[in-house]
PDB file of N, CA and C in Angstrom:
ATOM      1  N   MET A   1    -219.720  40.400 132.687  1.00  0.00           N
ATOM      2  CA  MET A   1    -218.630  41.348 132.886  1.00  0.00           C
ATOM      3  C   MET A   1    -217.300  40.605 132.825  1.00  0.00           C
ATOM      4  N   ILE A   2    -216.348  41.186 132.130  1.00  0.00           N
ATOM      5  CA  ILE A   2    -215.022  40.588 131.987  1.00  0.00           C
ATOM      6  C   ILE A   2    -214.063  41.330 132.908  1.00  0.00           C
ATOM      7  N   LYS A   3    -213.284  40.551 133.653  1.00  0.00           N
ATOM      8  CA  LYS A   3    -212.289  41.147 134.540  1.00  0.00           C
ATOM      9  C   LYS A   3    -210.925  41.071 133.864  1.00  0.00           C
ATOM     10  N   VAL A   4    -210.286  42.209 133.723  1.00  0.00           N
ATOM     11  CA  VAL A   4    -208.961  42.285 133.109  1.00  0.00           C
ATOM     12  C   VAL A   4    -207.934  42.418 134.230  1.00  0.00           C
ATOM     13  N   THR A   5    -206.938  41.538 134.195  1.00  0.00           N
ATOM     14  CA  THR A   5    -205.890  41.589 135.213  1.00  0.00           C
ATOM     15  C   THR A   5    -204.538  41.774 134.546  1.00  0.00           C
ATOM     16  N   GLY A   6    -203.571  42.192 135.314  1.00  0.00           N
ATOM     17  CA  GLY A   6    -202.216  42.320 134.808  1.00  0.00           C
ATOM     18  C   GLY A   6    -201.873  43.685 134.238  1.00  0.00           C
ATOM     19  N   LEU A   7    -202.816  44.627 134.280  1.00  0.00           N
ATOM     20  CA  LEU A   7    -202.539  45.942 133.705  1.00  0.00           C
ATOM     21  C   LEU A   7    -201.482  46.703 134.487  1.00  0.00           C
ATOM     22  N   ASP A   8    -201.448  46.525 135.798  1.00  0.00           N
ATOM     23  CA  ASP A   8    -200.423  47.214 136.592  1.00  0.00           C
ATOM     24  C   ASP A   8    -199.028  46.755 136.183  1.00  0.00           C
ATOM     25  N   LYS A   9    -198.882  45.458 135.972  1.00  0.00           N
ATOM     26  CA  LYS A   9    -197.584  44.919 135.545  1.00  0.00           C
ATOM     27  C   LYS A   9    -197.240  45.429 134.148  1.00  0.00           C
ATOM     28  N   LEU A  10    -198.211  45.477 133.269  1.00  0.00           N
ATOM     29  CA  LEU A  10    -197.984  45.985 131.920  1.00  0.00           C
ATOM     30  C   LEU A  10    -197.555  47.446 131.956  1.00  0.00           C
ATOM     31  N   LYS A  11    -198.215  48.258 132.771  1.00  0.00           N
ATOM     32  CA  LYS A  11    -197.840  49.672 132.904  1.00  0.00           C
ATOM     33  C   LYS A  11    -196.405  49.809 133.404  1.00  0.00           C
ATOM     34  N   LYS A  12    -196.055  48.992 134.399  1.00  0.00           N
ATOM     35  CA  LYS A  12    -194.699  49.035 134.953  1.00  0.00           C
ATOM     36  C   LYS A  12    -193.681  48.671 133.870  1.00  0.00           C
ATOM     37  N   ASN A  13    -193.967  47.606 133.123  1.00  0.00           N
ATOM     38  CA  ASN A  13    -193.056  47.181 132.055  1.00  0.00           C
ATOM     39  C   ASN A  13    -192.922  48.253 130.983  1.00  0.00           C
ATOM     40  N   LEU A  14    -194.008  48.899 130.637  1.00  0.00           N
ATOM     41  CA  LEU A  14    -193.956  49.965 129.635  1.00  0.00           C
ATOM     42  C   LEU A  14    -193.157  51.167 130.133  1.00  0.00           C
ATOM     43  N   ARG A  15    -193.297  51.505 131.417  1.00  0.00           N
ATOM     44  CA  ARG A  15    -192.504  52.606 131.991  1.00  0.00           C
ATOM     45  C   ARG A  15    -191.016  52.268 131.953  1.00  0.00           C
ATOM     46  N   GLU A  16    -190.659  51.019 132.291  1.00  0.00           N
ATOM     47  CA  GLU A  16    -189.260  50.596 132.251  1.00  0.00           C
ATOM     48  C   GLU A  16    -188.719  50.640 130.826  1.00  0.00           C
ATOM     49  N   LEU A  17    -189.510  50.195 129.870  1.00  0.00           N
ATOM     50  CA  LEU A  17    -189.111  50.232 128.471  1.00  0.00           C
ATOM     51  C   LEU A  17    -188.909  51.673 128.010  1.00  0.00           C
ATOM     52  N   ALA A  18    -189.796  52.562 128.419  1.00  0.00           N
ATOM     53  CA  ALA A  18    -189.673  53.977 128.050  1.00  0.00           C
ATOM     54  C   ALA A  18    -188.391  54.580 128.632  1.00  0.00           C
ATOM     55  N   LYS A  19    -188.045  54.223 129.862  1.00  0.00           N
ATOM     56  CA  LYS A  19    -186.807  54.715 130.471  1.00  0.00           C
ATOM     57  C   LYS A  19    -185.583  54.223 129.697  1.00  0.00           C
ATOM     58  N   LYS A  20    -185.603  52.952 129.335  1.00  0.00           N
ATOM     59  CA  LYS A  20    -184.479  52.389 128.580  1.00  0.00           C
ATOM     60  C   LYS A  20    -184.368  53.051 127.208  1.00  0.00           C
ATOM     61  N   ALA A  21    -185.509  53.279 126.573  1.00  0.00           N
ATOM     62  CA  ALA A  21    -185.502  53.921 125.252  1.00  0.00           C
ATOM     63  C   ALA A  21    -184.989  55.350 125.358  1.00  0.00           C
ATOM     64  N   GLU A  22    -185.364  56.047 126.408  1.00  0.00           N
ATOM     65  CA  GLU A  22    -184.895  57.419 126.607  1.00  0.00           C
ATOM     66  C   GLU A  22    -183.377  57.443 126.801  1.00  0.00           C
ATOM     67  N   ALA A  23    -182.854  56.458 127.517  1.00  0.00           N
ATOM     68  CA  ALA A  23    -181.406  56.377 127.740  1.00  0.00           C
ATOM     69  C   ALA A  23    -180.653  56.124 126.434  1.00  0.00           C
ATOM     70  N   LEU A  24    -181.304  55.501 125.467  1.00  0.00           N
ATOM     71  CA  LEU A  24    -180.658  55.212 124.186  1.00  0.00           C
ATOM     72  C   LEU A  24    -180.778  56.353 123.187  1.00  0.00           C
ATOM     73  N   ASP A  25    -181.584  57.346 123.518  1.00  0.00           N
ATOM     74  CA  ASP A  25    -181.788  58.460 122.590  1.00  0.00           C
ATOM     75  C   ASP A  25    -180.468  59.196 122.349  1.00  0.00           C
ATOM     76  N   GLY A  26    -180.224  59.583 121.123  1.00  0.00           N
ATOM     77  CA  GLY A  26    -179.008  60.316 120.787  1.00  0.00           C
ATOM     78  C   GLY A  26    -177.936  59.397 120.240  1.00  0.00           C
ATOM     79  N   LYS A  27    -176.725  59.893 120.228  1.00  0.00           N
ATOM     80  CA  LYS A  27    -175.601  59.130 119.696  1.00  0.00           C
ATOM     81  C   LYS A  27    -174.878  58.405 120.822  1.00  0.00           C
ATOM     82  N   HIS A  28    -174.373  57.231 120.483  1.00  0.00           N
ATOM     83  CA  HIS A  28    -173.623  56.428 121.446  1.00  0.00           C
ATOM     84  C   HIS A  28    -172.385  55.850 120.763  1.00  0.00           C
ATOM     85  N   ALA A  29    -171.317  55.782 121.510  1.00  0.00           N
ATOM     86  CA  ALA A  29    -170.097  55.146 121.018  1.00  0.00           C
ATOM     87  C   ALA A  29    -170.111  53.717 121.549  1.00  0.00           C
ATOM     88  N   VAL A  30    -170.439  52.785 120.672  1.00  0.00           N
ATOM     89  CA  VAL A  30    -170.519  51.378 121.060  1.00  0.00           C
ATOM     90  C   VAL A  30    -169.326  50.651 120.435  1.00  0.00           C
ATOM     91  N   PRO A  31    -168.484  50.043 121.257  1.00  0.00           N
ATOM     92  CA  PRO A  31    -167.326  49.323 120.711  1.00  0.00           C
ATOM     93  C   PRO A  31    -167.771  48.202 119.762  1.00  0.00           C
ATOM     94  N   LEU A  32    -167.014  47.999 118.693  1.00  0.00           N
ATOM     95  CA  LEU A  32    -167.356  46.959 117.722  1.00  0.00           C
ATOM     96  C   LEU A  32    -167.571  45.588 118.368  1.00  0.00           C
ATOM     97  N   PRO A  33    -166.738  45.181 119.319  1.00  0.00           N
ATOM     98  CA  PRO A  33    -166.984  43.862 119.927  1.00  0.00           C
ATOM     99  C   PRO A  33    -168.338  43.764 120.647  1.00  0.00           C
ATOM    100  N   SER A  34    -168.876  44.905 121.091  1.00  0.00           N
ATOM    101  CA  SER A  34    -170.196  44.884 121.715  1.00  0.00           C
ATOM    102  C   SER A  34    -171.297  44.710 120.674  1.00  0.00           C
ATOM    103  N   LEU A  35    -171.059  45.210 119.478  1.00  0.00           N
ATOM    104  CA  LEU A  35    -172.025  45.048 118.384  1.00  0.00           C
ATOM    105  C   LEU A  35    -171.847  43.705 117.688  1.00  0.00           C
ATOM    106  N   LEU A  36    -170.589  43.394 117.385  1.00  0.00           N
ATOM    107  CA  LEU A  36    -170.281  42.171 116.648  1.00  0.00           C
ATOM    108  C   LEU A  36    -169.939  41.058 117.622  1.00  0.00           C
ATOM    109  N   THR A  37    -170.947  40.652 118.367  1.00  0.00           N
ATOM    110  CA  THR A  37    -170.756  39.592 119.365  1.00  0.00           C
ATOM    111  C   THR A  37    -170.460  38.270 118.661  1.00  0.00           C
ATOM    112  N   PRO A  38    -169.871  37.324 119.382  1.00  0.00           N
ATOM    113  CA  PRO A  38    -169.656  36.012 118.761  1.00  0.00           C
ATOM    114  C   PRO A  38    -170.943  35.417 118.177  1.00  0.00           C
ATOM    115  N   ALA A  39    -172.049  35.558 118.892  1.00  0.00           N
ATOM    116  CA  ALA A  39    -173.321  35.009 118.391  1.00  0.00           C
ATOM    117  C   ALA A  39    -173.720  35.663 117.074  1.00  0.00           C
ATOM    118  N   PHE A  40    -173.556  36.980 116.985  1.00  0.00           N
ATOM    119  CA  PHE A  40    -173.903  37.678 115.747  1.00  0.00           C
ATOM    120  C   PHE A  40    -172.989  37.242 114.605  1.00  0.00           C
ATOM    121  N   VAL A  41    -171.690  37.254 114.851  1.00  0.00           N
ATOM    122  CA  VAL A  41    -170.717  36.895 113.809  1.00  0.00           C
ATOM    123  C   VAL A  41    -170.959  35.460 113.335  1.00  0.00           C
ATOM    124  N   GLN A  42    -171.215  34.559 114.258  1.00  0.00           N
ATOM    125  CA  GLN A  42    -171.476  33.165 113.892  1.00  0.00           C
ATOM    126  C   GLN A  42    -172.766  33.016 113.093  1.00  0.00           C
ATOM    127  N   SER A  43    -173.741  33.894 113.359  1.00  0.00           N
ATOM    128  CA  SER A  43    -175.029  33.788 112.662  1.00  0.00           C
ATOM    129  C   SER A  43    -174.961  34.231 111.199  1.00  0.00           C
ATOM    130  N   CYS A  44    -173.925  35.000 110.848  1.00  0.00           N
ATOM    131  CA  CYS A  44    -173.867  35.536 109.484  1.00  0.00           C
ATOM    132  C   CYS A  44    -172.589  35.157 108.734  1.00  0.00           C
ATOM    133  N   SER A  45    -171.762  34.340 109.353  1.00  0.00           N
ATOM    134  CA  SER A  45    -170.500  33.972 108.700  1.00  0.00           C
ATOM    135  C   SER A  45    -170.015  32.632 109.246  1.00  0.00           C
ATOM    136  N   SER A  46    -168.878  32.197 108.741  1.00  0.00           N
ATOM    137  CA  SER A  46    -168.274  30.964 109.260  1.00  0.00           C
ATOM    138  C   SER A  46    -167.261  31.265 110.363  1.00  0.00           C
ATOM    139  N   PHE A  47    -167.126  32.541 110.724  1.00  0.00           N
ATOM    140  CA  PHE A  47    -166.185  32.942 111.771  1.00  0.00           C
ATOM    141  C   PHE A  47    -166.804  32.747 113.144  1.00  0.00           C
ATOM    142  N   GLN A  48    -165.937  32.488 114.123  1.00  0.00           N
ATOM    143  CA  GLN A  48    -166.398  32.300 115.492  1.00  0.00           C
ATOM    144  C   GLN A  48    -166.561  33.620 116.243  1.00  0.00           C
ATOM    145  N   ASN A  49    -165.794  34.633 115.825  1.00  0.00           N
ATOM    146  CA  ASN A  49    -165.859  35.928 116.500  1.00  0.00           C
ATOM    147  C   ASN A  49    -165.265  37.002 115.593  1.00  0.00           C
ATOM    148  N   VAL A  50    -165.376  38.244 116.028  1.00  0.00           N
ATOM    149  CA  VAL A  50    -164.910  39.362 115.203  1.00  0.00           C
ATOM    150  C   VAL A  50    -163.396  39.336 115.017  1.00  0.00           C
ATOM    151  N   ASP A  51    -162.661  38.892 116.016  1.00  0.00           N
ATOM    152  CA  ASP A  51    -161.201  38.811 115.874  1.00  0.00           C
ATOM    153  C   ASP A  51    -160.816  37.842 114.770  1.00  0.00           C
ATOM    154  N   GLU A  52    -161.483  36.713 114.705  1.00  0.00           N
ATOM    155  CA  GLU A  52    -161.212  35.730 113.652  1.00  0.00           C
ATOM    156  C   GLU A  52    -161.565  36.318 112.280  1.00  0.00           C
ATOM    157  N   MET A  53    -162.653  37.066 112.227  1.00  0.00           N
ATOM    158  CA  MET A  53    -163.052  37.701 110.974  1.00  0.00           C
ATOM    159  C   MET A  53    -162.000  38.725 110.538  1.00  0.00           C
ATOM    160  N   PHE A  54    -161.561  39.555 111.471  1.00  0.00           N
ATOM    161  CA  PHE A  54    -160.529  40.549 111.155  1.00  0.00           C
ATOM    162  C   PHE A  54    -159.249  39.873 110.665  1.00  0.00           C
ATOM    163  N   GLU A  55    -158.853  38.810 111.337  1.00  0.00           N
ATOM    164  CA  GLU A  55    -157.629  38.107 110.957  1.00  0.00           C
ATOM    165  C   GLU A  55    -157.732  37.531 109.542  1.00  0.00           C
ATOM    166  N   ALA A  56    -158.893  36.986 109.211  1.00  0.00           N
ATOM    167  CA  ALA A  56    -159.097  36.378 107.893  1.00  0.00           C
ATOM    168  C   ALA A  56    -159.171  37.418 106.783  1.00  0.00           C
ATOM    169  N   SER A  57    -159.404  38.669 107.147  1.00  0.00           N
ATOM    170  CA  SER A  57    -159.582  39.713 106.134  1.00  0.00           C
ATOM    171  C   SER A  57    -158.297  39.995 105.347  1.00  0.00           C
ATOM    172  N   GLY A  58    -157.148  39.689 105.954  1.00  0.00           N
ATOM    173  CA  GLY A  58    -155.887  39.996 105.299  1.00  0.00           C
ATOM    174  C   GLY A  58    -155.406  41.414 105.559  1.00  0.00           C
ATOM    175  N   PHE A  59    -156.217  42.209 106.238  1.00  0.00           N
ATOM    176  CA  PHE A  59    -155.820  43.564 106.606  1.00  0.00           C
ATOM    177  C   PHE A  59    -155.233  43.554 108.013  1.00  0.00           C
ATOM    178  N   LYS A  60    -154.280  44.428 108.243  1.00  0.00           N
ATOM    179  CA  LYS A  60    -153.713  44.572 109.588  1.00  0.00           C
ATOM    180  C   LYS A  60    -154.695  45.427 110.392  1.00  0.00           C
ATOM    181  N   ILE A  61    -155.339  44.794 111.368  1.00  0.00           N
ATOM    182  CA  ILE A  61    -156.318  45.508 112.197  1.00  0.00           C
ATOM    183  C   ILE A  61    -155.952  45.290 113.659  1.00  0.00           C
ATOM    184  N   GLU A  62    -155.163  46.226 114.171  1.00  0.00           N
ATOM    185  CA  GLU A  62    -154.742  46.146 115.565  1.00  0.00           C
ATOM    186  C   GLU A  62    -155.223  47.344 116.370  1.00  0.00           C
ATOM    187  N   SER A  63    -155.862  48.295 115.689  1.00  0.00           N
ATOM    188  CA  SER A  63    -156.337  49.494 116.372  1.00  0.00           C
ATOM    189  C   SER A  63    -157.498  50.075 115.571  1.00  0.00           C
ATOM    190  N   PRO A  64    -158.247  50.973 116.183  1.00  0.00           N
ATOM    191  CA  PRO A  64    -159.318  51.648 115.430  1.00  0.00           C
ATOM    192  C   PRO A  64    -158.786  52.386 114.200  1.00  0.00           C
ATOM    193  N   GLU A  65    -157.583  52.922 114.318  1.00  0.00           N
ATOM    194  CA  GLU A  65    -156.978  53.638 113.193  1.00  0.00           C
ATOM    195  C   GLU A  65    -156.696  52.691 112.031  1.00  0.00           C
ATOM    196  N   ASP A  66    -156.202  51.479 112.352  1.00  0.00           N
ATOM    197  CA  ASP A  66    -155.969  50.468 111.314  1.00  0.00           C
ATOM    198  C   ASP A  66    -157.271  50.151 110.581  1.00  0.00           C
ATOM    199  N   PHE A  67    -158.331  50.001 111.349  1.00  0.00           N
ATOM    200  CA  PHE A  67    -159.624  49.667 110.753  1.00  0.00           C
ATOM    201  C   PHE A  67    -160.118  50.799 109.847  1.00  0.00           C
ATOM    202  N   LYS A  68    -159.981  52.027 110.309  1.00  0.00           N
ATOM    203  CA  LYS A  68    -160.417  53.185 109.520  1.00  0.00           C
ATOM    204  C   LYS A  68    -159.607  53.345 108.236  1.00  0.00           C
ATOM    205  N   ALA A  69    -158.392  52.844 108.232  1.00  0.00           N
ATOM    206  CA  ALA A  69    -157.512  52.988 107.073  1.00  0.00           C
ATOM    207  C   ALA A  69    -157.847  52.012 105.940  1.00  0.00           C
ATOM    208  N   ILE A  70    -158.676  51.010 106.208  1.00  0.00           N
ATOM    209  CA  ILE A  70    -159.041  50.037 105.171  1.00  0.00           C
ATOM    210  C   ILE A  70    -159.946  50.727 104.152  1.00  0.00           C
ATOM    211  N   PRO A  71    -159.632  50.617 102.865  1.00  0.00           N
ATOM    212  CA  PRO A  71    -160.506  51.204 101.848  1.00  0.00           C
ATOM    213  C   PRO A  71    -161.918  50.593 101.922  1.00  0.00           C
ATOM    214  N   ASP A  72    -162.924  51.447 101.946  1.00  0.00           N
ATOM    215  CA  ASP A  72    -164.310  50.988 102.096  1.00  0.00           C
ATOM    216  C   ASP A  72    -164.681  49.931 101.062  1.00  0.00           C
ATOM    217  N   GLU A  73    -164.293  50.154  99.830  1.00  0.00           N
ATOM    218  CA  GLU A  73    -164.651  49.220  98.758  1.00  0.00           C
ATOM    219  C   GLU A  73    -164.068  47.831  99.012  1.00  0.00           C
ATOM    220  N   GLU A  74    -162.817  47.799  99.475  1.00  0.00           N
ATOM    221  CA  GLU A  74    -162.171  46.509  99.752  1.00  0.00           C
ATOM    222  C   GLU A  74    -162.840  45.801 100.933  1.00  0.00           C
ATOM    223  N   TRP A  75    -163.176  46.568 101.961  1.00  0.00           N
ATOM    224  CA  TRP A  75    -163.831  45.980 103.134  1.00  0.00           C
ATOM    225  C   TRP A  75    -165.216  45.469 102.755  1.00  0.00           C
ATOM    226  N   ASP A  76    -165.957  46.225 101.945  1.00  0.00           N
ATOM    227  CA  ASP A  76    -167.280  45.782 101.494  1.00  0.00           C
ATOM    228  C   ASP A  76    -167.184  44.487 100.695  1.00  0.00           C
ATOM    229  N   LYS A  77    -166.157  44.359  99.860  1.00  0.00           N
ATOM    230  CA  LYS A  77    -165.960  43.120  99.087  1.00  0.00           C
ATOM    231  C   LYS A  77    -165.738  41.942 100.029  1.00  0.00           C
ATOM    232  N   PHE A  78    -164.899  42.158 101.052  1.00  0.00           N
ATOM    233  CA  PHE A  78    -164.631  41.099 102.021  1.00  0.00           C
ATOM    234  C   PHE A  78    -165.918  40.699 102.745  1.00  0.00           C
ATOM    235  N   ILE A  79    -166.695  41.675 103.187  1.00  0.00           N
ATOM    236  CA  ILE A  79    -167.949  41.401 103.900  1.00  0.00           C
ATOM    237  C   ILE A  79    -168.915  40.643 102.996  1.00  0.00           C
ATOM    238  N   ALA A  80    -169.057  41.089 101.753  1.00  0.00           N
ATOM    239  CA  ALA A  80    -169.965  40.429 100.817  1.00  0.00           C
ATOM    240  C   ALA A  80    -169.533  38.984 100.544  1.00  0.00           C
ATOM    241  N   LYS A  81    -168.247  38.758 100.497  1.00  0.00           N
ATOM    242  CA  LYS A  81    -167.712  37.431 100.188  1.00  0.00           C
ATOM    243  C   LYS A  81    -167.814  36.467 101.371  1.00  0.00           C
ATOM    244  N   THR A  82    -167.672  36.981 102.597  1.00  0.00           N
ATOM    245  CA  THR A  82    -167.539  36.089 103.754  1.00  0.00           C
ATOM    246  C   THR A  82    -168.720  36.111 104.727  1.00  0.00           C
ATOM    247  N   THR A  83    -169.700  36.965 104.476  1.00  0.00           N
ATOM    248  CA  THR A  83    -170.860  37.024 105.374  1.00  0.00           C
ATOM    249  C   THR A  83    -172.145  36.962 104.551  1.00  0.00           C
ATOM    250  N   SER A  84    -173.251  36.957 105.229  1.00  0.00           N
ATOM    251  CA  SER A  84    -174.546  36.953 104.550  1.00  0.00           C
ATOM    252  C   SER A  84    -175.009  38.372 104.189  1.00  0.00           C
ATOM    253  N   TYR A  85    -174.160  39.352 104.409  1.00  0.00           N
ATOM    254  CA  TYR A  85    -174.497  40.744 104.102  1.00  0.00           C
ATOM    255  C   TYR A  85    -173.815  41.199 102.817  1.00  0.00           C
ATOM    256  N   ASP A  86    -174.446  42.153 102.144  1.00  0.00           N
ATOM    257  CA  ASP A  86    -173.905  42.667 100.886  1.00  0.00           C
ATOM    258  C   ASP A  86    -172.779  43.671 101.082  1.00  0.00           C
ATOM    259  N   ASN A  87    -172.742  44.303 102.276  1.00  0.00           N
ATOM    260  CA  ASN A  87    -171.711  45.297 102.544  1.00  0.00           C
ATOM    261  C   ASN A  87    -171.619  45.552 104.044  1.00  0.00           C
ATOM    262  N   TRP A  88    -170.615  46.321 104.427  1.00  0.00           N
ATOM    263  CA  TRP A  88    -170.341  46.624 105.835  1.00  0.00           C
ATOM    264  C   TRP A  88    -171.472  47.415 106.468  1.00  0.00           C
ATOM    265  N   LYS A  89    -172.003  48.398 105.754  1.00  0.00           N
ATOM    266  CA  LYS A  89    -173.075  49.234 106.292  1.00  0.00           C
ATOM    267  C   LYS A  89    -174.290  48.384 106.664  1.00  0.00           C
ATOM    268  N   GLU A  90    -174.630  47.446 105.799  1.00  0.00           N
ATOM    269  CA  GLU A  90    -175.763  46.551 106.058  1.00  0.00           C
ATOM    270  C   GLU A  90    -175.493  45.665 107.280  1.00  0.00           C
ATOM    271  N   MET A  91    -174.288  45.138 107.365  1.00  0.00           N
ATOM    272  CA  MET A  91    -173.925  44.280 108.491  1.00  0.00           C
ATOM    273  C   MET A  91    -173.949  45.054 109.807  1.00  0.00           C
ATOM    274  N   LEU A  92    -173.374  46.230 109.787  1.00  0.00           N
ATOM    275  CA  LEU A  92    -173.327  47.060 110.985  1.00  0.00           C
ATOM    276  C   LEU A  92    -174.727  47.483 111.419  1.00  0.00           C
ATOM    277  N   ALA A  93    -175.592  47.799 110.467  1.00  0.00           N
ATOM    278  CA  ALA A  93    -176.971  48.182 110.792  1.00  0.00           C
ATOM    279  C   ALA A  93    -177.708  47.025 111.463  1.00  0.00           C
ATOM    280  N   ALA A  94    -177.515  45.814 110.961  1.00  0.00           N
ATOM    281  CA  ALA A  94    -178.156  44.645 111.562  1.00  0.00           C
ATOM    282  C   ALA A  94    -177.645  44.411 112.979  1.00  0.00           C
ATOM    283  N   ALA A  95    -176.345  44.524 113.159  1.00  0.00           N
ATOM    284  CA  ALA A  95    -175.762  44.343 114.493  1.00  0.00           C
ATOM    285  C   ALA A  95    -176.269  45.419 115.454  1.00  0.00           C
ATOM    286  N   THR A  96    -176.416  46.632 114.952  1.00  0.00           N
ATOM    287  CA  THR A  96    -176.906  47.737 115.784  1.00  0.00           C
ATOM    288  C   THR A  96    -178.352  47.498 116.205  1.00  0.00           C
ATOM    289  N   ARG A  97    -179.168  46.992 115.301  1.00  0.00           N
ATOM    290  CA  ARG A  97    -180.562  46.678 115.656  1.00  0.00           C
ATOM    291  C   ARG A  97    -180.616  45.636 116.769  1.00  0.00           C
ATOM    292  N   ILE A  98    -179.793  44.610 116.648  1.00  0.00           N
ATOM    293  CA  ILE A  98    -179.767  43.557 117.673  1.00  0.00           C
ATOM    294  C   ILE A  98    -179.272  44.120 118.999  1.00  0.00           C
ATOM    295  N   TRP A  99    -178.227  44.941 118.955  1.00  0.00           N
ATOM    296  CA  TRP A  99    -177.700  45.552 120.187  1.00  0.00           C
ATOM    297  C   TRP A  99    -178.764  46.435 120.837  1.00  0.00           C
ATOM    298  N   THR A 100    -179.471  47.207 120.039  1.00  0.00           N
ATOM    299  CA  THR A 100    -180.499  48.100 120.566  1.00  0.00           C
ATOM    300  C   THR A 100    -181.611  47.293 121.234  1.00  0.00           C
ATOM    301  N   LYS A 101    -182.050  46.244 120.588  1.00  0.00           N
ATOM    302  CA  LYS A 101    -183.091  45.385 121.185  1.00  0.00           C
ATOM    303  C   LYS A 101    -182.612  44.809 122.514  1.00  0.00           C
ATOM    304  N   SER A 102    -181.348  44.401 122.575  1.00  0.00           N
ATOM    305  CA  SER A 102    -180.835  43.830 123.824  1.00  0.00           C
ATOM    306  C   SER A 102    -180.780  44.886 124.922  1.00  0.00           C
ATOM    307  N   GLN A 103    -180.447  46.127 124.554  1.00  0.00           N
ATOM    308  CA  GLN A 103    -180.398  47.212 125.538  1.00  0.00           C
ATOM    309  C   GLN A 103    -181.805  47.540 126.058  1.00  0.00           C
ATOM    310  N   LEU A 104    -182.803  47.319 125.223  1.00  0.00           N
ATOM    311  CA  LEU A 104    -184.192  47.562 125.628  1.00  0.00           C
ATOM    312  C   LEU A 104    -184.787  46.380 126.375  1.00  0.00           C
ATOM    313  N   GLY A 105    -184.038  45.285 126.437  1.00  0.00           N
ATOM    314  CA  GLY A 105    -184.518  44.113 127.133  1.00  0.00           C
ATOM    315  C   GLY A 105    -185.497  43.296 126.304  1.00  0.00           C
ATOM    316  N   MET A 106    -185.375  43.410 125.013  1.00  0.00           N
ATOM    317  CA  MET A 106    -186.305  42.698 124.118  1.00  0.00           C
ATOM    318  C   MET A 106    -185.672  41.440 123.566  1.00  0.00           C
TER     319      MET A 106
END
């Protein structure tokens, strides 16, 4: 006969994970600095943080409105040239996956 131990702890961990996943369900407004952490930016570019990346872009980015005003095509070119991603959507999706995993405690 084999004795299995640790199932109570596993059940507890799964319940906690389910609660965290439920809290993430739906839409969330996550500030860019929370997604584009220094660790993330450093992992895909030569920049130390998102502020340095914004500054190097040549665009005036001092507010969310400034960022929204940048032509998508121009921003995608900058991202493709200076990061390991082909475009902004791809970069943002990767950052979102990492943020989601961190929120789930993974």
